[in-house]
Amino acid sequence: MLQLLETIHQVQHPRRNQLQPKLLLLTVVFVLLNAEGLSIQCRASDRVLNATGSNDQPKEISQIAEPDAASQSNSDVRNDSDSTNDEAAKEELKEWLTVVSDNTLEMHKREMPAYWRLVSMVKGETYASMTERARKSPAFSEFYLAPLKHRGDLVSLDVNIRRVLKYPVNEGNPAKVQNLYEIWGWTNQAKSWLYVFVTPELPEGSNESTLVNRTATFTGYFFKLQGYHSGMARQNNQPLVAPLLIGKLAPHKASESTKPKPNSRFYLVALCVLGICGLRVLVKYLLRPKQASFTTGYKTMSNRSAENDTKFDWLDMDDTELKQPKSGL
């Protein structure tokens, strides 16, 4: 700007004398503006130094006003990374489970890698972490109607245990477990439709017999619809299906309300049946037809015997009695 003014001052112009006051006024205004700008910059630098408490290189004002912005961004990056990893793990698990087929009575060989992978995952996780991420109380119809959609889902169910089986496994299995436990039970929502649960370990202090007829919460991954036959099935009956989940079990605390109670309905039905049978026997006895009397229209057997005795009395008479006529004749 100063160079421009000097250049204009040196220019020979016919109205040079008239332009000099105006040029002088512009120069003064420019100097004042530069001085104000320098003072503003100095005050801003003082505030920055006071805020940092040192004479080091001042930080950016945005960093001083929001000191946690960097850490917050790092936290967001970590959360996004974790969620991305979870999604990637789910997708990878889905790929493993694509070879699984439903409604079969036995495991196919091609299904075993995915089966052992789930067992290994469950073994390496805690029950609390699994339950925190799991979807609570899904309906039985979700697995029954759309097994492909829900395969690999992590769910949590409250179950009534009715059967626990222990199976030793080969030492060379990929999950490196010694035993697997198969648990059969039903939920209050599914009623008579059964679930089957597989776990590599039972809760501490529990065994196969102590878990029967107890309630528990099972958290695990849905694997397939497992086929099975009921105890009353005939030879040509189609197998029933039960959702098979692989996970961990947490039994509920035993209380008076959860202890098995006698089946009062059974005793009530038995009492009603016995009452009906007894009443039927009593009515049949009271309404039976009466037997005909032997004395009606006939002589009794005693009278007949007496009459026969008098009719053949002459057999016992001697000769004198026979020759003597009877009186009245």
C-alpha atoms as a PDB file:
ATOM      1  CA  MET A   1       0.000   0.000   0.000  1.00  0.00           C
ATOM      2  CA  LEU A   2       2.816   2.346   0.882  1.00  0.00           C
ATOM      3  CA  GLN A   3       4.548   1.531  -2.390  1.00  0.00           C
ATOM      4  CA  LEU A   4       1.318   2.322  -4.222  1.00  0.00           C
ATOM      5  CA  LEU A   5       1.042   5.693  -2.514  1.00  0.00           C
ATOM      6  CA  GLU A   6       4.665   6.488  -3.282  1.00  0.00           C
ATOM      7  CA  THR A   7       4.140   5.595  -6.904  1.00  0.00           C
ATOM      8  CA  ILE A   8       1.057   7.780  -7.112  1.00  0.00           C
ATOM      9  CA  HIS A   9       3.013  10.635  -5.475  1.00  0.00           C
ATOM     10  CA  GLN A  10       5.721  10.406  -8.085  1.00  0.00           C
ATOM     11  CA  VAL A  11       3.297  10.370 -10.976  1.00  0.00           C
ATOM     12  CA  GLN A  12       3.040  13.650 -12.797  1.00  0.00           C
ATOM     13  CA  HIS A  13      -0.629  14.487 -12.978  1.00  0.00           C
ATOM     14  CA  PRO A  14      -2.258  17.804 -13.815  1.00  0.00           C
ATOM     15  CA  ARG A  15      -4.463  17.578 -10.702  1.00  0.00           C
ATOM     16  CA  ARG A  16      -1.636  16.405  -8.438  1.00  0.00           C
ATOM     17  CA  ASN A  17      -2.074  19.243  -5.976  1.00  0.00           C
ATOM     18  CA  GLN A  18      -5.758  18.399  -5.499  1.00  0.00           C
ATOM     19  CA  LEU A  19      -5.044  14.696  -4.869  1.00  0.00           C
ATOM     20  CA  GLN A  20      -2.407  15.201  -2.158  1.00  0.00           C
ATOM     21  CA  PRO A  21      -4.853  15.862   0.741  1.00  0.00           C
ATOM     22  CA  LYS A  22      -6.875  12.809  -0.167  1.00  0.00           C
ATOM     23  CA  LEU A  23      -3.764  10.663  -0.355  1.00  0.00           C
ATOM     24  CA  LEU A  24      -2.651  11.924   3.032  1.00  0.00           C
ATOM     25  CA  LEU A  25      -6.032  11.021   4.552  1.00  0.00           C
ATOM     26  CA  LEU A  26      -5.901   7.486   3.118  1.00  0.00           C
ATOM     27  CA  THR A  27      -2.390   7.038   4.531  1.00  0.00           C
ATOM     28  CA  VAL A  28      -3.527   8.008   8.029  1.00  0.00           C
ATOM     29  CA  VAL A  29      -6.506   5.617   7.901  1.00  0.00           C
ATOM     30  CA  PHE A  30      -4.300   2.771   6.739  1.00  0.00           C
ATOM     31  CA  VAL A  31      -1.825   3.339   9.566  1.00  0.00           C
ATOM     32  CA  LEU A  32      -4.603   3.369  12.168  1.00  0.00           C
ATOM     33  CA  LEU A  33      -6.115   0.124  10.869  1.00  0.00           C
ATOM     34  CA  ASN A  34      -2.731  -1.628  10.981  1.00  0.00           C
ATOM     35  CA  ALA A  35      -2.177  -0.475  14.554  1.00  0.00           C
ATOM     36  CA  GLU A  36      -5.623  -1.758  15.677  1.00  0.00           C
ATOM     37  CA  GLY A  37      -4.988  -5.111  14.027  1.00  0.00           C
ATOM     38  CA  LEU A  38      -1.678  -5.457  15.824  1.00  0.00           C
ATOM     39  CA  SER A  39      -3.280  -4.707  19.199  1.00  0.00           C
ATOM     40  CA  ILE A  40      -6.042  -7.265  18.625  1.00  0.00           C
ATOM     41  CA  GLN A  41      -3.484  -9.920  17.740  1.00  0.00           C
ATOM     42  CA  CYS A  42      -1.454  -9.112  20.848  1.00  0.00           C
ATOM     43  CA  ARG A  43      -4.475  -9.434  23.142  1.00  0.00           C
ATOM     44  CA  ALA A  44      -5.385 -12.812  21.563  1.00  0.00           C
ATOM     45  CA  SER A  45      -1.829 -14.044  22.117  1.00  0.00           C
ATOM     46  CA  ASP A  46      -1.982 -12.973  25.779  1.00  0.00           C
ATOM     47  CA  ARG A  47      -5.216 -14.921  26.310  1.00  0.00           C
ATOM     48  CA  VAL A  48      -3.685 -18.004  24.758  1.00  0.00           C
ATOM     49  CA  LEU A  49      -0.590 -17.781  26.970  1.00  0.00           C
ATOM     50  CA  ASN A  50      -2.679 -17.277  30.100  1.00  0.00           C
ATOM     51  CA  ALA A  51      -4.822 -20.274  29.242  1.00  0.00           C
ATOM     52  CA  THR A  52      -1.871 -22.602  28.686  1.00  0.00           C
ATOM     53  CA  GLY A  53       0.045 -21.323  31.741  1.00  0.00           C
ATOM     54  CA  SER A  54       3.390 -21.469  29.944  1.00  0.00           C
ATOM     55  CA  ASN A  55       5.465 -19.589  27.441  1.00  0.00           C
ATOM     56  CA  ASP A  56       5.650 -22.515  25.048  1.00  0.00           C
ATOM     57  CA  GLN A  57       4.272 -22.458  21.581  1.00  0.00           C
ATOM     58  CA  PRO A  58       0.547 -21.652  21.999  1.00  0.00           C
ATOM     59  CA  LYS A  59      -1.981 -24.274  21.052  1.00  0.00           C
ATOM     60  CA  GLU A  60      -4.798 -23.785  18.649  1.00  0.00           C
ATOM     61  CA  ILE A  61      -7.746 -21.933  20.138  1.00  0.00           C
ATOM     62  CA  SER A  62     -10.127 -24.757  19.149  1.00  0.00           C
ATOM     63  CA  GLN A  63      -8.005 -27.189  21.147  1.00  0.00           C
ATOM     64  CA  ILE A  64      -8.082 -24.937  24.242  1.00  0.00           C
ATOM     65  CA  ALA A  65     -11.820 -24.391  24.072  1.00  0.00           C
ATOM     66  CA  GLU A  66     -12.511 -28.141  23.624  1.00  0.00           C
ATOM     67  CA  PRO A  67      -9.667 -30.056  25.297  1.00  0.00           C
ATOM     68  CA  ASP A  68     -11.500 -33.446  24.977  1.00  0.00           C
ATOM     69  CA  ALA A  69     -12.231 -33.161  21.294  1.00  0.00           C
ATOM     70  CA  ALA A  70      -9.246 -35.289  20.310  1.00  0.00           C
ATOM     71  CA  SER A  71      -9.959 -37.977  22.903  1.00  0.00           C
ATOM     72  CA  GLN A  72     -13.630 -37.988  21.922  1.00  0.00           C
ATOM     73  CA  SER A  73     -12.723 -38.475  18.298  1.00  0.00           C
ATOM     74  CA  ASN A  74     -10.373 -41.314  19.253  1.00  0.00           C
ATOM     75  CA  SER A  75     -13.162 -42.926  21.286  1.00  0.00           C
ATOM     76  CA  ASP A  76     -15.530 -42.652  18.356  1.00  0.00           C
ATOM     77  CA  VAL A  77     -12.930 -44.218  16.119  1.00  0.00           C
ATOM     78  CA  ARG A  78     -12.488 -47.115  18.567  1.00  0.00           C
ATOM     79  CA  ASN A  79     -16.251 -47.635  18.850  1.00  0.00           C
ATOM     80  CA  ASP A  80     -16.617 -47.590  15.090  1.00  0.00           C
ATOM     81  CA  SER A  81     -13.737 -50.047  14.833  1.00  0.00           C
ATOM     82  CA  ASP A  82     -15.315 -52.387  17.422  1.00  0.00           C
ATOM     83  CA  SER A  83     -18.690 -52.282  15.709  1.00  0.00           C
ATOM     84  CA  THR A  84     -17.004 -52.908  12.370  1.00  0.00           C
ATOM     85  CA  ASN A  85     -15.155 -55.882  13.830  1.00  0.00           C
ATOM     86  CA  ASP A  86     -18.392 -57.267  15.299  1.00  0.00           C
ATOM     87  CA  GLU A  87     -20.142 -56.958  11.976  1.00  0.00           C
ATOM     88  CA  ALA A  88     -17.228 -58.620  10.221  1.00  0.00           C
ATOM     89  CA  ALA A  89     -17.257 -61.466  12.758  1.00  0.00           C
ATOM     90  CA  LYS A  90     -20.992 -61.950  12.263  1.00  0.00           C
ATOM     91  CA  GLU A  91     -20.614 -62.062   8.518  1.00  0.00           C
ATOM     92  CA  GLU A  92     -17.767 -64.558   8.809  1.00  0.00           C
ATOM     93  CA  LEU A  93     -19.879 -66.730  11.134  1.00  0.00           C
ATOM     94  CA  LYS A  94     -22.780 -66.573   8.689  1.00  0.00           C
ATOM     95  CA  GLU A  95     -20.486 -67.893   5.960  1.00  0.00           C
ATOM     96  CA  TRP A  96     -19.461 -70.832   8.133  1.00  0.00           C
ATOM     97  CA  LEU A  97     -23.119 -71.640   8.833  1.00  0.00           C
ATOM     98  CA  THR A  98     -24.236 -71.658   5.196  1.00  0.00           C
ATOM     99  CA  VAL A  99     -23.530 -75.400   4.942  1.00  0.00           C
ATOM    100  CA  VAL A 100     -25.820 -76.287   7.867  1.00  0.00           C
ATOM    101  CA  SER A 101     -29.091 -78.061   7.001  1.00  0.00           C
ATOM    102  CA  ASP A 102     -32.243 -78.300   9.120  1.00  0.00           C
ATOM    103  CA  ASN A 103     -34.692 -81.071  10.107  1.00  0.00           C
ATOM    104  CA  THR A 104     -32.061 -83.843  10.126  1.00  0.00           C
ATOM    105  CA  LEU A 105     -31.785 -86.512  12.809  1.00  0.00           C
ATOM    106  CA  GLU A 106     -27.969 -86.592  12.671  1.00  0.00           C
ATOM    107  CA  MET A 107     -25.155 -84.110  12.144  1.00  0.00           C
ATOM    108  CA  HIS A 108     -23.619 -84.119   8.687  1.00  0.00           C
ATOM    109  CA  LYS A 109     -19.876 -84.170   8.318  1.00  0.00           C
ATOM    110  CA  ARG A 110     -19.869 -80.858   6.466  1.00  0.00           C
ATOM    111  CA  GLU A 111     -21.623 -79.179   9.428  1.00  0.00           C
ATOM    112  CA  MET A 112     -18.992 -80.123  12.004  1.00  0.00           C
ATOM    113  CA  PRO A 113     -16.470 -77.293  11.311  1.00  0.00           C
ATOM    114  CA  ALA A 114     -19.154 -74.692  11.996  1.00  0.00           C
ATOM    115  CA  TYR A 115     -20.345 -76.694  15.014  1.00  0.00           C
ATOM    116  CA  TRP A 116     -16.894 -76.800  16.599  1.00  0.00           C
ATOM    117  CA  ARG A 117     -16.310 -73.151  15.774  1.00  0.00           C
ATOM    118  CA  LEU A 118     -19.372 -72.182  17.817  1.00  0.00           C
ATOM    119  CA  VAL A 119     -18.264 -74.420  20.675  1.00  0.00           C
ATOM    120  CA  SER A 120     -14.836 -72.722  20.648  1.00  0.00           C
ATOM    121  CA  MET A 121     -16.425 -69.275  20.620  1.00  0.00           C
ATOM    122  CA  VAL A 122     -18.649 -70.138  23.578  1.00  0.00           C
ATOM    123  CA  LYS A 123     -15.740 -71.623  25.522  1.00  0.00           C
ATOM    124  CA  GLY A 124     -13.732 -68.403  25.109  1.00  0.00           C
ATOM    125  CA  GLU A 125     -16.549 -66.071  26.230  1.00  0.00           C
ATOM    126  CA  THR A 126     -18.084 -65.391  29.630  1.00  0.00           C
ATOM    127  CA  TYR A 127     -21.746 -65.897  30.339  1.00  0.00           C
ATOM    128  CA  ALA A 128     -22.146 -62.250  31.401  1.00  0.00           C
ATOM    129  CA  SER A 129     -20.680 -60.825  28.186  1.00  0.00           C
ATOM    130  CA  MET A 130     -22.799 -63.128  26.056  1.00  0.00           C
ATOM    131  CA  THR A 131     -26.006 -62.270  27.939  1.00  0.00           C
ATOM    132  CA  GLU A 132     -25.311 -58.544  27.640  1.00  0.00           C
ATOM    133  CA  ARG A 133     -25.213 -58.773  23.840  1.00  0.00           C
ATOM    134  CA  ALA A 134     -27.940 -61.382  23.409  1.00  0.00           C
ATOM    135  CA  ARG A 135     -31.492 -60.806  22.212  1.00  0.00           C
ATOM    136  CA  LYS A 136     -33.885 -61.678  25.025  1.00  0.00           C
ATOM    137  CA  SER A 137     -36.761 -64.194  24.836  1.00  0.00           C
ATOM    138  CA  PRO A 138     -37.272 -64.739  21.088  1.00  0.00           C
ATOM    139  CA  ALA A 139     -40.371 -66.659  19.994  1.00  0.00           C
ATOM    140  CA  PHE A 140     -40.174 -70.314  18.979  1.00  0.00           C
ATOM    141  CA  SER A 141     -41.847 -69.450  15.660  1.00  0.00           C
ATOM    142  CA  GLU A 142     -38.896 -67.257  14.659  1.00  0.00           C
ATOM    143  CA  PHE A 143     -36.573 -70.262  14.495  1.00  0.00           C
ATOM    144  CA  TYR A 144     -39.242 -72.626  13.174  1.00  0.00           C
ATOM    145  CA  LEU A 145     -40.401 -70.416  10.292  1.00  0.00           C
ATOM    146  CA  ALA A 146     -37.118 -68.700   9.322  1.00  0.00           C
ATOM    147  CA  PRO A 147     -34.087 -70.754  10.407  1.00  0.00           C
ATOM    148  CA  LEU A 148     -31.869 -69.339   7.647  1.00  0.00           C
ATOM    149  CA  LYS A 149     -32.554 -65.774   8.736  1.00  0.00           C
ATOM    150  CA  HIS A 150     -31.783 -66.362  12.411  1.00  0.00           C
ATOM    151  CA  ARG A 151     -28.939 -68.852  12.084  1.00  0.00           C
ATOM    152  CA  GLY A 152     -26.024 -67.622  14.193  1.00  0.00           C
ATOM    153  CA  ASP A 153     -28.163 -65.218  16.257  1.00  0.00           C
ATOM    154  CA  LEU A 154     -27.141 -64.788  19.898  1.00  0.00           C
ATOM    155  CA  VAL A 155     -30.255 -65.164  22.075  1.00  0.00           C
ATOM    156  CA  SER A 156     -31.161 -65.685  25.736  1.00  0.00           C
ATOM    157  CA  LEU A 157     -34.029 -67.931  26.921  1.00  0.00           C
ATOM    158  CA  ASP A 158     -35.586 -68.923  30.250  1.00  0.00           C
ATOM    159  CA  VAL A 159     -36.064 -72.691  30.085  1.00  0.00           C
ATOM    160  CA  ASN A 160     -37.600 -75.496  32.136  1.00  0.00           C
ATOM    161  CA  ILE A 161     -35.058 -78.322  32.110  1.00  0.00           C
ATOM    162  CA  ARG A 162     -36.352 -81.871  31.748  1.00  0.00           C
ATOM    163  CA  ARG A 163     -33.332 -83.874  30.559  1.00  0.00           C
ATOM    164  CA  VAL A 164     -29.540 -83.562  30.760  1.00  0.00           C
ATOM    165  CA  LEU A 165     -27.163 -85.917  28.944  1.00  0.00           C
ATOM    166  CA  LYS A 166     -23.368 -86.039  29.096  1.00  0.00           C
ATOM    167  CA  TYR A 167     -21.298 -87.067  26.059  1.00  0.00           C
ATOM    168  CA  PRO A 168     -17.510 -87.589  26.174  1.00  0.00           C
ATOM    169  CA  VAL A 169     -15.800 -86.386  23.004  1.00  0.00           C
ATOM    170  CA  ASN A 170     -12.523 -87.221  21.317  1.00  0.00           C
ATOM    171  CA  GLU A 171      -9.436 -85.450  22.596  1.00  0.00           C
ATOM    172  CA  GLY A 172      -8.492 -84.228  19.138  1.00  0.00           C
ATOM    173  CA  ASN A 173     -11.578 -82.023  18.701  1.00  0.00           C
ATOM    174  CA  PRO A 174     -10.918 -78.437  17.528  1.00  0.00           C
ATOM    175  CA  ALA A 175     -12.515 -76.910  20.661  1.00  0.00           C
ATOM    176  CA  LYS A 176     -10.260 -78.987  22.982  1.00  0.00           C
ATOM    177  CA  VAL A 177     -13.104 -79.970  25.308  1.00  0.00           C
ATOM    178  CA  GLN A 178     -13.486 -83.275  27.116  1.00  0.00           C
ATOM    179  CA  ASN A 179     -17.277 -83.426  27.426  1.00  0.00           C
ATOM    180  CA  LEU A 180     -20.359 -81.909  25.876  1.00  0.00           C
ATOM    181  CA  TYR A 181     -23.699 -81.636  27.675  1.00  0.00           C
ATOM    182  CA  GLU A 182     -27.024 -81.914  25.873  1.00  0.00           C
ATOM    183  CA  ILE A 183     -29.956 -80.268  27.656  1.00  0.00           C
ATOM    184  CA  TRP A 184     -33.601 -80.677  26.681  1.00  0.00           C
ATOM    185  CA  GLY A 185     -36.331 -78.352  27.906  1.00  0.00           C
ATOM    186  CA  TRP A 186     -39.165 -76.007  27.025  1.00  0.00           C
ATOM    187  CA  THR A 187     -40.010 -72.348  27.531  1.00  0.00           C
ATOM    188  CA  ASN A 188     -43.214 -70.870  28.880  1.00  0.00           C
ATOM    189  CA  GLN A 189     -43.806 -69.315  25.476  1.00  0.00           C
ATOM    190  CA  ALA A 190     -43.273 -72.502  23.434  1.00  0.00           C
ATOM    191  CA  LYS A 191     -45.022 -74.841  25.935  1.00  0.00           C
ATOM    192  CA  SER A 192     -44.814 -78.404  24.568  1.00  0.00           C
ATOM    193  CA  TRP A 193     -42.355 -77.526  21.767  1.00  0.00           C
ATOM    194  CA  LEU A 194     -38.885 -78.517  22.945  1.00  0.00           C
ATOM    195  CA  TYR A 195     -35.481 -76.841  22.672  1.00  0.00           C
ATOM    196  CA  VAL A 196     -32.126 -78.629  22.739  1.00  0.00           C
ATOM    197  CA  PHE A 197     -29.081 -76.857  24.161  1.00  0.00           C
ATOM    198  CA  VAL A 198     -25.417 -77.841  23.899  1.00  0.00           C
ATOM    199  CA  THR A 199     -22.812 -76.501  26.317  1.00  0.00           C
ATOM    200  CA  PRO A 200     -19.143 -77.420  26.900  1.00  0.00           C
ATOM    201  CA  GLU A 201     -19.488 -77.011  30.669  1.00  0.00           C
ATOM    202  CA  LEU A 202     -22.108 -77.000  33.405  1.00  0.00           C
ATOM    203  CA  PRO A 203     -22.278 -74.287  36.076  1.00  0.00           C
ATOM    204  CA  GLU A 204     -20.121 -74.828  39.125  1.00  0.00           C
ATOM    205  CA  GLY A 205     -21.791 -77.077  41.682  1.00  0.00           C
ATOM    206  CA  SER A 206     -24.251 -78.549  39.157  1.00  0.00           C
ATOM    207  CA  ASN A 207     -24.457 -81.961  37.526  1.00  0.00           C
ATOM    208  CA  GLU A 208     -26.818 -83.859  35.269  1.00  0.00           C
ATOM    209  CA  SER A 209     -29.222 -84.921  38.035  1.00  0.00           C
ATOM    210  CA  THR A 210     -29.413 -81.652  39.994  1.00  0.00           C
ATOM    211  CA  LEU A 211     -30.455 -79.611  36.938  1.00  0.00           C
ATOM    212  CA  VAL A 212     -33.478 -81.725  36.008  1.00  0.00           C
ATOM    213  CA  ASN A 213     -36.860 -80.107  36.825  1.00  0.00           C
ATOM    214  CA  ARG A 214     -35.203 -76.741  37.456  1.00  0.00           C
ATOM    215  CA  THR A 215     -35.481 -73.429  35.643  1.00  0.00           C
ATOM    216  CA  ALA A 216     -32.460 -71.718  34.126  1.00  0.00           C
ATOM    217  CA  THR A 217     -31.402 -69.094  31.615  1.00  0.00           C
ATOM    218  CA  PHE A 218     -29.532 -70.300  28.547  1.00  0.00           C
ATOM    219  CA  THR A 219     -27.594 -67.878  26.342  1.00  0.00           C
ATOM    220  CA  GLY A 220     -26.206 -69.147  23.078  1.00  0.00           C
ATOM    221  CA  TYR A 221     -26.038 -69.105  19.289  1.00  0.00           C
ATOM    222  CA  PHE A 222     -28.791 -70.661  17.176  1.00  0.00           C
ATOM    223  CA  PHE A 223     -27.258 -73.460  15.102  1.00  0.00           C
ATOM    224  CA  LYS A 224     -30.061 -75.403  13.375  1.00  0.00           C
ATOM    225  CA  LEU A 225     -33.447 -77.111  13.679  1.00  0.00           C
ATOM    226  CA  GLN A 226     -32.578 -80.534  15.084  1.00  0.00           C
ATOM    227  CA  GLY A 227     -34.856 -83.448  14.191  1.00  0.00           C
ATOM    228  CA  TYR A 228     -35.942 -85.954  16.847  1.00  0.00           C
ATOM    229  CA  HIS A 229     -38.583 -88.615  17.510  1.00  0.00           C
ATOM    230  CA  SER A 230     -40.809 -88.599  20.566  1.00  0.00           C
ATOM    231  CA  GLY A 231     -41.060 -91.666  22.768  1.00  0.00           C
ATOM    232  CA  MET A 232     -44.503 -92.536  21.343  1.00  0.00           C
ATOM    233  CA  ALA A 233     -43.546 -92.106  17.678  1.00  0.00           C
ATOM    234  CA  ARG A 234     -44.272 -94.892  15.223  1.00  0.00           C
ATOM    235  CA  GLN A 235     -41.925 -96.181  12.594  1.00  0.00           C
ATOM    236  CA  ASN A 236     -43.179 -94.045   9.688  1.00  0.00           C
ATOM    237  CA  ASN A 237     -43.813 -90.821  11.651  1.00  0.00           C
ATOM    238  CA  GLN A 238     -42.098 -87.654  10.486  1.00  0.00           C
ATOM    239  CA  PRO A 239     -39.486 -86.333  12.958  1.00  0.00           C
ATOM    240  CA  LEU A 240     -40.295 -83.361  15.138  1.00  0.00           C
ATOM    241  CA  VAL A 241     -37.875 -80.412  15.263  1.00  0.00           C
ATOM    242  CA  ALA A 242     -36.264 -78.525  18.123  1.00  0.00           C
ATOM    243  CA  PRO A 243     -34.089 -75.396  17.827  1.00  0.00           C
ATOM    244  CA  LEU A 244     -30.505 -76.323  18.714  1.00  0.00           C
ATOM    245  CA  LEU A 245     -28.475 -73.641  20.482  1.00  0.00           C
ATOM    246  CA  ILE A 246     -24.823 -73.728  21.558  1.00  0.00           C
ATOM    247  CA  GLY A 247     -23.939 -71.612  24.573  1.00  0.00           C
ATOM    248  CA  LYS A 248     -23.827 -71.453  28.375  1.00  0.00           C
ATOM    249  CA  LEU A 249     -26.315 -72.109  31.162  1.00  0.00           C
ATOM    250  CA  ALA A 250     -27.097 -70.292  34.418  1.00  0.00           C
ATOM    251  CA  PRO A 251     -29.585 -72.079  36.719  1.00  0.00           C
ATOM    252  CA  HIS A 252     -32.001 -70.037  38.774  1.00  0.00           C
ATOM    253  CA  LYS A 253     -31.875 -70.155  42.552  1.00  0.00           C
ATOM    254  CA  ALA A 254     -33.983 -72.959  43.968  1.00  0.00           C
ATOM    255  CA  SER A 255     -37.030 -71.793  45.925  1.00  0.00           C
ATOM    256  CA  GLU A 256     -40.315 -73.175  47.111  1.00  0.00           C
ATOM    257  CA  SER A 257     -42.053 -71.838  44.034  1.00  0.00           C
ATOM    258  CA  THR A 258     -39.631 -73.578  41.672  1.00  0.00           C
ATOM    259  CA  LYS A 259     -39.545 -76.967  43.424  1.00  0.00           C
ATOM    260  CA  PRO A 260     -41.559 -79.671  41.661  1.00  0.00           C
ATOM    261  CA  LYS A 261     -45.033 -80.022  43.109  1.00  0.00           C
ATOM    262  CA  PRO A 262     -47.321 -83.040  42.949  1.00  0.00           C
ATOM    263  CA  ASN A 263     -49.599 -83.037  39.952  1.00  0.00           C
ATOM    264  CA  SER A 264     -52.921 -82.167  41.576  1.00  0.00           C
ATOM    265  CA  ARG A 265     -54.698 -82.335  38.227  1.00  0.00           C
ATOM    266  CA  PHE A 266     -53.801 -86.006  37.865  1.00  0.00           C
ATOM    267  CA  TYR A 267     -55.229 -86.847  41.273  1.00  0.00           C
ATOM    268  CA  LEU A 268     -58.380 -84.866  40.548  1.00  0.00           C
ATOM    269  CA  VAL A 269     -58.974 -86.701  37.263  1.00  0.00           C
ATOM    270  CA  ALA A 270     -58.319 -90.079  38.906  1.00  0.00           C
ATOM    271  CA  LEU A 271     -60.798 -89.260  41.690  1.00  0.00           C
ATOM    272  CA  CYS A 272     -63.474 -88.270  39.172  1.00  0.00           C
ATOM    273  CA  VAL A 273     -62.985 -91.494  37.198  1.00  0.00           C
ATOM    274  CA  LEU A 274     -63.283 -93.624  40.335  1.00  0.00           C
ATOM    275  CA  GLY A 275     -66.428 -91.741  41.395  1.00  0.00           C
ATOM    276  CA  ILE A 276     -68.071 -92.228  38.015  1.00  0.00           C
ATOM    277  CA  CYS A 277     -67.263 -95.944  38.019  1.00  0.00           C
ATOM    278  CA  GLY A 278     -68.630 -96.381  41.539  1.00  0.00           C
ATOM    279  CA  LEU A 279     -71.805 -94.515  40.710  1.00  0.00           C
ATOM    280  CA  ARG A 280     -72.336 -96.629  37.606  1.00  0.00           C
ATOM    281  CA  VAL A 281     -71.999 -99.859  39.588  1.00  0.00           C
ATOM    282  CA  LEU A 282     -74.443 -98.594  42.223  1.00  0.00           C
ATOM    283  CA  VAL A 283     -77.071 -97.566  39.653  1.00  0.00           C
ATOM    284  CA  LYS A 284     -76.725-100.880  37.850  1.00  0.00           C
ATOM    285  CA  TYR A 285     -77.269-102.752  41.120  1.00  0.00           C
ATOM    286  CA  LEU A 286     -80.324-100.722  42.110  1.00  0.00           C
ATOM    287  CA  LEU A 287     -81.994-100.929  38.717  1.00  0.00           C
ATOM    288  CA  ARG A 288     -81.407-104.648  38.099  1.00  0.00           C
ATOM    289  CA  PRO A 289     -84.633-106.694  37.318  1.00  0.00           C
ATOM    290  CA  LYS A 290     -86.166-108.588  40.280  1.00  0.00           C
ATOM    291  CA  GLN A 291     -86.109-112.434  40.182  1.00  0.00           C
ATOM    292  CA  ALA A 292     -89.497-114.270  39.858  1.00  0.00           C
ATOM    293  CA  SER A 293     -90.811-115.868  43.098  1.00  0.00           C
ATOM    294  CA  PHE A 294     -91.066-119.680  43.122  1.00  0.00           C
ATOM    295  CA  THR A 295     -94.304-119.497  45.157  1.00  0.00           C
ATOM    296  CA  THR A 296     -96.249-117.491  42.555  1.00  0.00           C
ATOM    297  CA  GLY A 297     -98.599-119.892  40.726  1.00  0.00           C
ATOM    298  CA  TYR A 298     -96.619-122.894  41.860  1.00  0.00           C
ATOM    299  CA  LYS A 299     -96.384-124.963  44.919  1.00  0.00           C
ATOM    300  CA  THR A 300     -93.317-124.677  46.960  1.00  0.00           C
ATOM    301  CA  MET A 301     -90.784-127.416  46.976  1.00  0.00           C
ATOM    302  CA  SER A 302     -91.546-128.204  50.618  1.00  0.00           C
ATOM    303  CA  ASN A 303     -95.276-128.712  49.884  1.00  0.00           C
ATOM    304  CA  ARG A 304     -94.438-130.914  46.952  1.00  0.00           C
ATOM    305  CA  SER A 305     -92.172-133.044  49.043  1.00  0.00           C
ATOM    306  CA  ALA A 306     -94.864-133.405  51.754  1.00  0.00           C
ATOM    307  CA  GLU A 307     -97.459-134.373  49.181  1.00  0.00           C
ATOM    308  CA  ASN A 308     -95.185-136.948  47.671  1.00  0.00           C
ATOM    309  CA  ASP A 309     -94.505-138.401  51.091  1.00  0.00           C
ATOM    310  CA  THR A 310     -98.263-138.942  51.772  1.00  0.00           C
ATOM    311  CA  LYS A 311     -98.835-140.302  48.300  1.00  0.00           C
ATOM    312  CA  PHE A 312     -96.411-143.148  48.782  1.00  0.00           C
ATOM    313  CA  ASP A 313     -97.131-143.991  52.408  1.00  0.00           C
ATOM    314  CA  TRP A 314     -98.704-147.356  51.442  1.00  0.00           C
ATOM    315  CA  LEU A 315     -95.303-148.664  50.596  1.00  0.00           C
ATOM    316  CA  ASP A 316     -94.448-148.672  54.260  1.00  0.00           C
ATOM    317  CA  MET A 317     -97.723-150.446  55.413  1.00  0.00           C
ATOM    318  CA  ASP A 318     -97.854-154.088  56.396  1.00  0.00           C
ATOM    319  CA  ASP A 319    -100.405-156.613  55.176  1.00  0.00           C
ATOM    320  CA  THR A 320    -102.968-156.119  57.982  1.00  0.00           C
ATOM    321  CA  GLU A 321    -103.035-152.356  57.413  1.00  0.00           C
ATOM    322  CA  LEU A 322    -103.477-152.826  53.724  1.00  0.00           C
ATOM    323  CA  LYS A 323    -106.416-155.270  54.105  1.00  0.00           C
ATOM    324  CA  GLN A 324    -108.206-153.040  56.652  1.00  0.00           C
ATOM    325  CA  PRO A 325    -110.319-150.482  54.856  1.00  0.00           C
ATOM    326  CA  LYS A 326    -109.938-146.849  55.634  1.00  0.00           C
ATOM    327  CA  SER A 327    -112.640-145.128  57.615  1.00  0.00           C
ATOM    328  CA  GLY A 328    -115.020-142.941  55.727  1.00  0.00           C
ATOM    329  CA  LEU A 329    -115.157-145.108  52.672  1.00  0.00           C
END
